[in-house]
PDB file of all heavy atoms in Angstrom:
ATOM      1  N   ASN A   1     134.320 112.885-122.635  1.00  0.00           N
ATOM      2  CA  ASN A   1     135.380 112.636-123.650  1.00  0.00           C
ATOM      3  C   ASN A   1     135.338 113.672-124.648  1.00  0.00           C
ATOM      4  O   ASN A   1     134.305 114.222-124.966  1.00  0.00           O
ATOM      5  CB  ASN A   1     135.195 111.242-124.243  1.00  0.00           C
ATOM      6  CG  ASN A   1     135.591 110.090-123.219  1.00  0.00           C
ATOM      7  OD1 ASN A   1     136.751 109.882-122.971  1.00  0.00           O
ATOM      8  ND2 ASN A   1     134.561 109.451-122.687  1.00  0.00           N
ATOM      9  N   TYR A   2     136.569 113.909-125.148  1.00  0.00           N
ATOM     10  CA  TYR A   2     136.702 115.030-126.140  1.00  0.00           C
ATOM     11  C   TYR A   2     137.566 114.612-127.336  1.00  0.00           C
ATOM     12  O   TYR A   2     138.466 113.800-127.154  1.00  0.00           O
ATOM     13  CB  TYR A   2     137.321 116.262-125.510  1.00  0.00           C
ATOM     14  CG  TYR A   2     136.569 116.846-124.338  1.00  0.00           C
ATOM     15  CD1 TYR A   2     136.813 116.418-123.038  1.00  0.00           C
ATOM     16  CD2 TYR A   2     135.611 117.744-124.514  1.00  0.00           C
ATOM     17  CE1 TYR A   2     136.105 116.998-121.959  1.00  0.00           C
ATOM     18  CE2 TYR A   2     134.878 118.296-123.474  1.00  0.00           C
ATOM     19  CZ  TYR A   2     135.174 117.917-122.159  1.00  0.00           C
ATOM     20  OH  TYR A   2     134.442 118.492-121.112  1.00  0.00           O
ATOM     21  N   ALA A   3     137.269 115.213-128.459  1.00  0.00           N
ATOM     22  CA  ALA A   3     138.163 114.951-129.658  1.00  0.00           C
ATOM     23  C   ALA A   3     139.415 115.730-129.301  1.00  0.00           C
ATOM     24  O   ALA A   3     139.492 116.701-128.619  1.00  0.00           O
ATOM     25  CB  ALA A   3     137.526 115.536-130.865  1.00  0.00           C
ATOM     26  N   ASP A   4     140.516 115.227-129.839  1.00  0.00           N
ATOM     27  CA  ASP A   4     141.845 115.781-129.585  1.00  0.00           C
ATOM     28  C   ASP A   4     141.920 117.256-130.034  1.00  0.00           C
ATOM     29  O   ASP A   4     142.528 118.091-129.319  1.00  0.00           O
ATOM     30  CB  ASP A   4     143.001 115.032-130.271  1.00  0.00           C
ATOM     31  CG  ASP A   4     143.186 113.678-129.642  1.00  0.00           C
ATOM     32  OD1 ASP A   4     142.783 113.453-128.478  1.00  0.00           O
ATOM     33  OD2 ASP A   4     143.827 112.807-130.310  1.00  0.00           O
ATOM     34  N   SER A   5     141.208 117.594-131.005  1.00  0.00           N
ATOM     35  CA  SER A   5     141.233 118.992-131.509  1.00  0.00           C
ATOM     36  C   SER A   5     140.682 119.990-130.694  1.00  0.00           C
ATOM     37  O   SER A   5     140.838 121.147-130.769  1.00  0.00           O
ATOM     38  CB  SER A   5     140.485 118.978-132.863  1.00  0.00           C
ATOM     39  OG  SER A   5     139.236 118.548-132.803  1.00  0.00           O
ATOM     40  N   VAL A   6     139.762 119.554-129.641  1.00  0.00           N
ATOM     41  CA  VAL A   6     139.125 120.556-128.746  1.00  0.00           C
ATOM     42  C   VAL A   6     139.429 120.332-127.309  1.00  0.00           C
ATOM     43  O   VAL A   6     139.072 121.060-126.409  1.00  0.00           O
ATOM     44  CB  VAL A   6     137.588 120.508-128.930  1.00  0.00           C
ATOM     45  CG1 VAL A   6     137.235 120.662-130.339  1.00  0.00           C
ATOM     46  CG2 VAL A   6     137.003 119.197-128.363  1.00  0.00           C
ATOM     47  N   LYS A   7     140.270 119.322-127.023  1.00  0.00           N
ATOM     48  CA  LYS A   7     140.598 118.934-125.651  1.00  0.00           C
ATOM     49  C   LYS A   7     141.392 120.140-124.983  1.00  0.00           C
ATOM     50  O   LYS A   7     142.235 120.676-125.618  1.00  0.00           O
ATOM     51  CB  LYS A   7     141.430 117.641-125.613  1.00  0.00           C
ATOM     52  CG  LYS A   7     141.505 116.936-124.353  1.00  0.00           C
ATOM     53  CD  LYS A   7     142.257 115.601-124.438  1.00  0.00           C
ATOM     54  CE  LYS A   7     141.498 114.657-125.282  1.00  0.00           C
ATOM     55  NZ  LYS A   7     142.162 113.345-125.367  1.00  0.00           N
ATOM     56  N   GLY A   8     140.938 120.422-123.753  1.00  0.00           N
ATOM     57  CA  GLY A   8     141.517 121.609-123.123  1.00  0.00           C
ATOM     58  C   GLY A   8     140.876 122.905-123.468  1.00  0.00           C
ATOM     59  O   GLY A   8     141.206 123.927-122.720  1.00  0.00           O
ATOM     60  N   ARG A   9     140.100 122.965-124.437  1.00  0.00           N
ATOM     61  CA  ARG A   9     139.386 124.204-124.830  1.00  0.00           C
ATOM     62  C   ARG A   9     137.860 124.190-124.653  1.00  0.00           C
ATOM     63  O   ARG A   9     137.284 125.204-124.351  1.00  0.00           O
ATOM     64  CB  ARG A   9     139.709 124.571-126.292  1.00  0.00           C
ATOM     65  CG  ARG A   9     141.247 124.770-126.580  1.00  0.00           C
ATOM     66  CD  ARG A   9     141.442 125.243-127.983  1.00  0.00           C
ATOM     67  NE  ARG A   9     140.934 124.286-129.020  1.00  0.00           N
ATOM     68  CZ  ARG A   9     140.017 124.675-129.897  1.00  0.00           C
ATOM     69  NH1 ARG A   9     139.506 125.891-129.907  1.00  0.00           N
ATOM     70  NH2 ARG A   9     139.681 123.746-130.814  1.00  0.00           N
ATOM     71  N   PHE A  10     137.309 122.993-124.864  1.00  0.00           N
ATOM     72  CA  PHE A  10     135.787 122.878-124.787  1.00  0.00           C
ATOM     73  C   PHE A  10     135.467 122.041-123.483  1.00  0.00           C
ATOM     74  O   PHE A  10     136.217 121.220-123.133  1.00  0.00           O
ATOM     75  CB  PHE A  10     135.333 122.115-126.019  1.00  0.00           C
ATOM     76  CG  PHE A  10     135.412 122.864-127.303  1.00  0.00           C
ATOM     77  CD1 PHE A  10     136.017 124.073-127.438  1.00  0.00           C
ATOM     78  CD2 PHE A  10     134.706 122.406-128.368  1.00  0.00           C
ATOM     79  CE1 PHE A  10     136.101 124.759-128.616  1.00  0.00           C
ATOM     80  CE2 PHE A  10     134.679 123.041-129.612  1.00  0.00           C
ATOM     81  CZ  PHE A  10     135.456 124.212-129.784  1.00  0.00           C
ATOM     82  N   ILE A  11     134.289 122.378-123.005  1.00  0.00           N
ATOM     83  CA  ILE A  11     133.827 121.684-121.792  1.00  0.00           C
ATOM     84  C   ILE A  11     132.362 121.305-122.095  1.00  0.00           C
ATOM     85  O   ILE A  11     131.516 122.132-122.330  1.00  0.00           O
ATOM     86  CB  ILE A  11     133.914 122.578-120.506  1.00  0.00           C
ATOM     87  CG1 ILE A  11     135.248 122.921-120.329  1.00  0.00           C
ATOM     88  CG2 ILE A  11     133.332 121.728-119.372  1.00  0.00           C
ATOM     89  CD1 ILE A  11     135.483 123.918-119.104  1.00  0.00           C
ATOM     90  N   ILE A  12     131.994 120.007-122.023  1.00  0.00           N
ATOM     91  CA  ILE A  12     130.684 119.556-122.154  1.00  0.00           C
ATOM     92  C   ILE A  12     130.061 119.300-120.760  1.00  0.00           C
ATOM     93  O   ILE A  12     130.749 118.894-119.837  1.00  0.00           O
ATOM     94  CB  ILE A  12     130.547 118.278-122.971  1.00  0.00           C
ATOM     95  CG1 ILE A  12     129.167 117.960-123.329  1.00  0.00           C
ATOM     96  CG2 ILE A  12     131.368 117.139-122.332  1.00  0.00           C
ATOM     97  CD1 ILE A  12     129.048 116.714-124.364  1.00  0.00           C
ATOM     98  N   SER A  13     128.772 119.647-120.637  1.00  0.00           N
ATOM     99  CA  SER A  13     128.099 119.479-119.406  1.00  0.00           C
ATOM    100  C   SER A  13     126.565 119.178-119.673  1.00  0.00           C
ATOM    101  O   SER A  13     126.149 119.439-120.762  1.00  0.00           O
ATOM    102  CB  SER A  13     128.265 120.722-118.471  1.00  0.00           C
ATOM    103  OG  SER A  13     127.751 121.848-119.082  1.00  0.00           O
ATOM    104  N   ARG A  14     125.949 118.764-118.611  1.00  0.00           N
ATOM    105  CA  ARG A  14     124.459 118.478-118.758  1.00  0.00           C
ATOM    106  C   ARG A  14     123.764 118.904-117.519  1.00  0.00           C
ATOM    107  O   ARG A  14     124.256 118.808-116.426  1.00  0.00           O
ATOM    108  CB  ARG A  14     124.255 117.129-119.187  1.00  0.00           C
ATOM    109  CG  ARG A  14     124.629 116.007-118.150  1.00  0.00           C
ATOM    110  CD  ARG A  14     124.708 114.571-118.718  1.00  0.00           C
ATOM    111  NE  ARG A  14     123.336 114.144-119.126  1.00  0.00           N
ATOM    112  CZ  ARG A  14     123.179 112.971-119.798  1.00  0.00           C
ATOM    113  NH1 ARG A  14     124.222 112.254-120.193  1.00  0.00           N
ATOM    114  NH2 ARG A  14     121.953 112.575-120.206  1.00  0.00           N
ATOM    115  N   ASP A  15     122.529 119.342-117.680  1.00  0.00           N
ATOM    116  CA  ASP A  15     121.619 119.672-116.636  1.00  0.00           C
ATOM    117  C   ASP A  15     120.303 118.846-116.850  1.00  0.00           C
ATOM    118  O   ASP A  15     119.518 119.132-117.683  1.00  0.00           O
ATOM    119  CB  ASP A  15     121.230 121.199-116.712  1.00  0.00           C
ATOM    120  CG  ASP A  15     120.346 121.589-115.548  1.00  0.00           C
ATOM    121  OD1 ASP A  15     119.703 120.719-115.018  1.00  0.00           O
ATOM    122  OD2 ASP A  15     120.342 122.807-115.267  1.00  0.00           O
ATOM    123  N   ASN A  16     120.314 117.737-116.183  1.00  0.00           N
ATOM    124  CA  ASN A  16     119.240 116.802-116.420  1.00  0.00           C
ATOM    125  C   ASN A  16     117.862 117.403-115.980  1.00  0.00           C
ATOM    126  O   ASN A  16     116.826 117.039-116.604  1.00  0.00           O
ATOM    127  CB  ASN A  16     119.438 115.533-115.644  1.00  0.00           C
ATOM    128  CG  ASN A  16     120.615 114.740-116.201  1.00  0.00           C
ATOM    129  OD1 ASN A  16     120.880 114.795-117.391  1.00  0.00           O
ATOM    130  ND2 ASN A  16     121.323 113.928-115.365  1.00  0.00           N
ATOM    131  N   ALA A  17     117.877 118.312-114.990  1.00  0.00           N
ATOM    132  CA  ALA A  17     116.575 118.935-114.655  1.00  0.00           C
ATOM    133  C   ALA A  17     115.989 119.713-115.747  1.00  0.00           C
ATOM    134  O   ALA A  17     114.793 119.879-115.850  1.00  0.00           O
ATOM    135  CB  ALA A  17     116.783 119.810-113.451  1.00  0.00           C
ATOM    136  N   LYS A  18     116.910 120.191-116.619  1.00  0.00           N
ATOM    137  CA  LYS A  18     116.408 121.020-117.745  1.00  0.00           C
ATOM    138  C   LYS A  18     116.452 120.215-119.071  1.00  0.00           C
ATOM    139  O   LYS A  18     116.213 120.835-120.140  1.00  0.00           O
ATOM    140  CB  LYS A  18     117.228 122.287-117.886  1.00  0.00           C
ATOM    141  CG  LYS A  18     117.103 123.209-116.731  1.00  0.00           C
ATOM    142  CD  LYS A  18     117.969 124.500-116.946  1.00  0.00           C
ATOM    143  CE  LYS A  18     117.763 125.445-115.793  1.00  0.00           C
ATOM    144  NZ  LYS A  18     118.648 126.665-115.909  1.00  0.00           N
ATOM    145  N   SER A  19     116.856 118.971-119.018  1.00  0.00           N
ATOM    146  CA  SER A  19     117.005 118.111-120.210  1.00  0.00           C
ATOM    147  C   SER A  19     117.836 118.901-121.319  1.00  0.00           C
ATOM    148  O   SER A  19     117.509 118.916-122.431  1.00  0.00           O
ATOM    149  CB  SER A  19     115.611 117.858-120.843  1.00  0.00           C
ATOM    150  OG  SER A  19     114.816 117.049-119.901  1.00  0.00           O
ATOM    151  N   THR A  20     118.948 119.425-120.763  1.00  0.00           N
ATOM    152  CA  THR A  20     119.746 120.258-121.697  1.00  0.00           C
ATOM    153  C   THR A  20     121.246 119.850-121.530  1.00  0.00           C
ATOM    154  O   THR A  20     121.683 119.551-120.440  1.00  0.00           O
ATOM    155  CB  THR A  20     119.626 121.788-121.275  1.00  0.00           C
ATOM    156  OG1 THR A  20     118.278 122.145-121.476  1.00  0.00           O
ATOM    157  CG2 THR A  20     120.480 122.649-122.225  1.00  0.00           C
ATOM    158  N   VAL A  21     121.961 119.944-122.587  1.00  0.00           N
ATOM    159  CA  VAL A  21     123.326 119.630-122.631  1.00  0.00           C
ATOM    160  C   VAL A  21     123.991 120.955-123.210  1.00  0.00           C
ATOM    161  O   VAL A  21     123.531 121.526-124.177  1.00  0.00           O
ATOM    162  CB  VAL A  21     123.777 118.476-123.552  1.00  0.00           C
ATOM    163  CG1 VAL A  21     125.217 118.232-123.623  1.00  0.00           C
ATOM    164  CG2 VAL A  21     123.000 117.200-123.063  1.00  0.00           C
ATOM    165  N   TYR A  22     125.194 121.238-122.698  1.00  0.00           N
ATOM    166  CA  TYR A  22     125.879 122.442-122.992  1.00  0.00           C
ATOM    167  C   TYR A  22     127.273 122.196-123.533  1.00  0.00           C
ATOM    168  O   TYR A  22     127.810 121.120-123.271  1.00  0.00           O
ATOM    169  CB  TYR A  22     126.026 123.359-121.754  1.00  0.00           C
ATOM    170  CG  TYR A  22     124.788 123.671-121.061  1.00  0.00           C
ATOM    171  CD1 TYR A  22     124.290 123.082-120.007  1.00  0.00           C
ATOM    172  CD2 TYR A  22     123.971 124.834-121.546  1.00  0.00           C
ATOM    173  CE1 TYR A  22     123.103 123.349-119.297  1.00  0.00           C
ATOM    174  CE2 TYR A  22     122.806 125.127-120.972  1.00  0.00           C
ATOM    175  CZ  TYR A  22     122.366 124.440-119.831  1.00  0.00           C
ATOM    176  OH  TYR A  22     121.209 124.793-119.220  1.00  0.00           O
ATOM    177  N   LEU A  23     127.800 123.097-124.275  1.00  0.00           N
ATOM    178  CA  LEU A  23     129.132 122.965-124.801  1.00  0.00           C
ATOM    179  C   LEU A  23     129.743 124.369-124.648  1.00  0.00           C
ATOM    180  O   LEU A  23     129.394 125.303-125.415  1.00  0.00           O
ATOM    181  CB  LEU A  23     129.249 122.577-126.270  1.00  0.00           C
ATOM    182  CG  LEU A  23     130.633 122.249-126.758  1.00  0.00           C
ATOM    183  CD1 LEU A  23     131.258 121.055-126.009  1.00  0.00           C
ATOM    184  CD2 LEU A  23     130.684 122.043-128.263  1.00  0.00           C
ATOM    185  N   GLN A  24     130.641 124.524-123.637  1.00  0.00           N
ATOM    186  CA  GLN A  24     131.367 125.732-123.417  1.00  0.00           C
ATOM    187  C   GLN A  24     132.624 125.696-124.308  1.00  0.00           C
ATOM    188  O   GLN A  24     133.411 124.731-124.119  1.00  0.00           O
ATOM    189  CB  GLN A  24     131.787 125.879-121.988  1.00  0.00           C
ATOM    190  CG  GLN A  24     132.616 127.141-121.627  1.00  0.00           C
ATOM    191  CD  GLN A  24     131.862 128.421-121.841  1.00  0.00           C
ATOM    192  OE1 GLN A  24     130.650 128.612-121.428  1.00  0.00           O
ATOM    193  NE2 GLN A  24     132.469 129.382-122.445  1.00  0.00           N
ATOM    194  N   MET A  25     132.742 126.631-125.222  1.00  0.00           N
ATOM    195  CA  MET A  25     133.828 126.644-126.106  1.00  0.00           C
ATOM    196  C   MET A  25     134.728 127.864-125.798  1.00  0.00           C
ATOM    197  O   MET A  25     134.258 129.041-125.975  1.00  0.00           O
ATOM    198  CB  MET A  25     133.305 126.659-127.544  1.00  0.00           C
ATOM    199  CG  MET A  25     132.311 125.514-127.911  1.00  0.00           C
ATOM    200  SD  MET A  25     131.884 125.472-129.587  1.00  0.00           S
ATOM    201  CE  MET A  25     131.101 127.061-129.846  1.00  0.00           C
ATOM    202  N   ASN A  26     135.991 127.669-125.517  1.00  0.00           N
ATOM    203  CA  ASN A  26     136.917 128.654-125.172  1.00  0.00           C
ATOM    204  C   ASN A  26     138.043 128.648-126.174  1.00  0.00           C
ATOM    205  O   ASN A  26     138.291 127.657-126.912  1.00  0.00           O
ATOM    206  CB  ASN A  26     137.474 128.551-123.792  1.00  0.00           C
ATOM    207  CG  ASN A  26     136.302 128.565-122.708  1.00  0.00           C
ATOM    208  OD1 ASN A  26     135.383 129.352-122.809  1.00  0.00           O
ATOM    209  ND2 ASN A  26     136.380 127.674-121.745  1.00  0.00           N
ATOM    210  N   SER A  27     138.821 129.721-126.183  1.00  0.00           N
ATOM    211  CA  SER A  27     140.012 129.861-127.118  1.00  0.00           C
ATOM    212  C   SER A  27     139.577 129.375-128.543  1.00  0.00           C
ATOM    213  O   SER A  27     140.377 128.599-129.109  1.00  0.00           O
ATOM    214  CB  SER A  27     141.097 129.021-126.543  1.00  0.00           C
ATOM    215  OG  SER A  27     141.430 129.455-125.282  1.00  0.00           O
ATOM    216  N   LEU A  28     138.585 129.879-129.071  1.00  0.00           N
ATOM    217  CA  LEU A  28     138.043 129.442-130.361  1.00  0.00           C
ATOM    218  C   LEU A  28     139.058 129.794-131.441  1.00  0.00           C
ATOM    219  O   LEU A  28     139.771 130.809-131.440  1.00  0.00           O
ATOM    220  CB  LEU A  28     136.705 130.023-130.643  1.00  0.00           C
ATOM    221  CG  LEU A  28     135.513 129.315-129.873  1.00  0.00           C
ATOM    222  CD1 LEU A  28     134.344 130.202-129.863  1.00  0.00           C
ATOM    223  CD2 LEU A  28     135.254 128.056-130.549  1.00  0.00           C
ATOM    224  N   GLU A  29     139.111 128.948-132.467  1.00  0.00           N
ATOM    225  CA  GLU A  29     140.052 129.033-133.593  1.00  0.00           C
ATOM    226  C   GLU A  29     139.232 129.015-134.847  1.00  0.00           C
ATOM    227  O   GLU A  29     138.131 128.444-134.874  1.00  0.00           O
ATOM    228  CB  GLU A  29     141.050 127.869-133.569  1.00  0.00           C
ATOM    229  CG  GLU A  29     141.840 127.726-132.291  1.00  0.00           C
ATOM    230  CD  GLU A  29     142.561 126.403-132.198  1.00  0.00           C
ATOM    231  OE1 GLU A  29     142.356 125.607-133.098  1.00  0.00           O
ATOM    232  OE2 GLU A  29     143.381 126.211-131.223  1.00  0.00           O
ATOM    233  N   PRO A  30     139.832 129.562-135.963  1.00  0.00           N
ATOM    234  CA  PRO A  30     138.957 129.558-137.216  1.00  0.00           C
ATOM    235  C   PRO A  30     138.606 128.077-137.556  1.00  0.00           C
ATOM    236  O   PRO A  30     137.497 127.969-138.246  1.00  0.00           O
ATOM    237  CB  PRO A  30     140.029 130.161-138.246  1.00  0.00           C
ATOM    238  CG  PRO A  30     140.820 131.090-137.344  1.00  0.00           C
ATOM    239  CD  PRO A  30     140.928 130.427-136.014  1.00  0.00           C
ATOM    240  N   ASP A  31     139.395 127.160-137.319  1.00  0.00           N
ATOM    241  CA  ASP A  31     139.042 125.699-137.706  1.00  0.00           C
ATOM    242  C   ASP A  31     137.909 125.223-136.877  1.00  0.00           C
ATOM    243  O   ASP A  31     137.383 124.101-137.151  1.00  0.00           O
ATOM    244  CB  ASP A  31     140.251 124.855-137.375  1.00  0.00           C
ATOM    245  CG  ASP A  31     141.323 124.958-138.521  1.00  0.00           C
ATOM    246  OD1 ASP A  31     140.977 125.580-139.635  1.00  0.00           O
ATOM    247  OD2 ASP A  31     142.409 124.400-138.308  1.00  0.00           O
ATOM    248  N   ASP A  32     137.450 125.954-135.859  1.00  0.00           N
ATOM    249  CA  ASP A  32     136.233 125.559-135.142  1.00  0.00           C
ATOM    250  C   ASP A  32     134.975 125.994-135.862  1.00  0.00           C
ATOM    251  O   ASP A  32     133.805 125.611-135.447  1.00  0.00           O
ATOM    252  CB  ASP A  32     136.170 126.143-133.751  1.00  0.00           C
ATOM    253  CG  ASP A  32     137.387 125.608-132.923  1.00  0.00           C
ATOM    254  OD1 ASP A  32     137.608 124.460-132.940  1.00  0.00           O
ATOM    255  OD2 ASP A  32     137.984 126.399-132.161  1.00  0.00           O
ATOM    256  N   THR A  33     135.046 126.716-136.921  1.00  0.00           N
ATOM    257  CA  THR A  33     133.892 127.178-137.747  1.00  0.00           C
ATOM    258  C   THR A  33     133.138 125.948-138.321  1.00  0.00           C
ATOM    259  O   THR A  33     133.744 125.146-138.980  1.00  0.00           O
ATOM    260  CB  THR A  33     134.371 128.122-138.848  1.00  0.00           C
ATOM    261  OG1 THR A  33     134.903 129.362-138.263  1.00  0.00           O
ATOM    262  CG2 THR A  33     133.200 128.444-139.683  1.00  0.00           C
ATOM    263  N   ALA A  34     131.897 125.928-137.920  1.00  0.00           N
ATOM    264  CA  ALA A  34     131.115 124.770-138.351  1.00  0.00           C
ATOM    265  C   ALA A  34     129.742 124.986-137.908  1.00  0.00           C
ATOM    266  O   ALA A  34     129.393 125.726-137.063  1.00  0.00           O
ATOM    267  CB  ALA A  34     131.644 123.347-137.798  1.00  0.00           C
ATOM    268  N   VAL A  35     128.761 124.081-138.378  1.00  0.00           N
ATOM    269  CA  VAL A  35     127.422 123.935-137.715  1.00  0.00           C
ATOM    270  C   VAL A  35     127.592 122.847-136.639  1.00  0.00           C
ATOM    271  O   VAL A  35     128.057 121.731-136.959  1.00  0.00           O
ATOM    272  CB  VAL A  35     126.383 123.629-138.754  1.00  0.00           C
ATOM    273  CG1 VAL A  35     125.066 123.420-138.109  1.00  0.00           C
ATOM    274  CG2 VAL A  35     126.362 124.622-139.913  1.00  0.00           C
ATOM    275  N   TYR A  36     127.121 123.131-135.468  1.00  0.00           N
ATOM    276  CA  TYR A  36     127.243 122.234-134.354  1.00  0.00           C
ATOM    277  C   TYR A  36     125.818 121.590-133.999  1.00  0.00           C
ATOM    278  O   TYR A  36     124.834 122.277-134.046  1.00  0.00           O
ATOM    279  CB  TYR A  36     127.668 122.973-133.113  1.00  0.00           C
ATOM    280  CG  TYR A  36     129.203 123.301-133.223  1.00  0.00           C
ATOM    281  CD1 TYR A  36     129.644 124.271-134.077  1.00  0.00           C
ATOM    282  CD2 TYR A  36     130.086 122.567-132.361  1.00  0.00           C
ATOM    283  CE1 TYR A  36     131.110 124.481-134.130  1.00  0.00           C
ATOM    284  CE2 TYR A  36     131.417 122.880-132.445  1.00  0.00           C
ATOM    285  CZ  TYR A  36     131.940 123.815-133.323  1.00  0.00           C
ATOM    286  OH  TYR A  36     133.295 124.058-133.361  1.00  0.00           O
ATOM    287  N   TYR A  37     125.874 120.292-133.804  1.00  0.00           N
ATOM    288  CA  TYR A  37     124.651 119.511-133.570  1.00  0.00           C
ATOM    289  C   TYR A  37     124.914 118.688-132.242  1.00  0.00           C
ATOM    290  O   TYR A  37     126.026 118.392-131.855  1.00  0.00           O
ATOM    291  CB  TYR A  37     124.408 118.534-134.716  1.00  0.00           C
ATOM    292  CG  TYR A  37     124.377 119.110-136.077  1.00  0.00           C
ATOM    293  CD1 TYR A  37     125.480 119.298-136.857  1.00  0.00           C
ATOM    294  CD2 TYR A  37     123.071 119.442-136.603  1.00  0.00           C
ATOM    295  CE1 TYR A  37     125.350 119.835-138.147  1.00  0.00           C
ATOM    296  CE2 TYR A  37     123.005 119.885-137.841  1.00  0.00           C
ATOM    297  CZ  TYR A  37     124.035 120.145-138.617  1.00  0.00           C
ATOM    298  OH  TYR A  37     124.020 120.635-139.913  1.00  0.00           O
TER     299      TYR A  37
END
């Protein structure tokens, strides 16, 4: 699920073997500027 502001631009995925979650961010905009957690 995605917030409307990032839908179609961001992709979340997870690799359970590595205990890691990813966020692929495309078509970035100035309003995406932030600290990500």
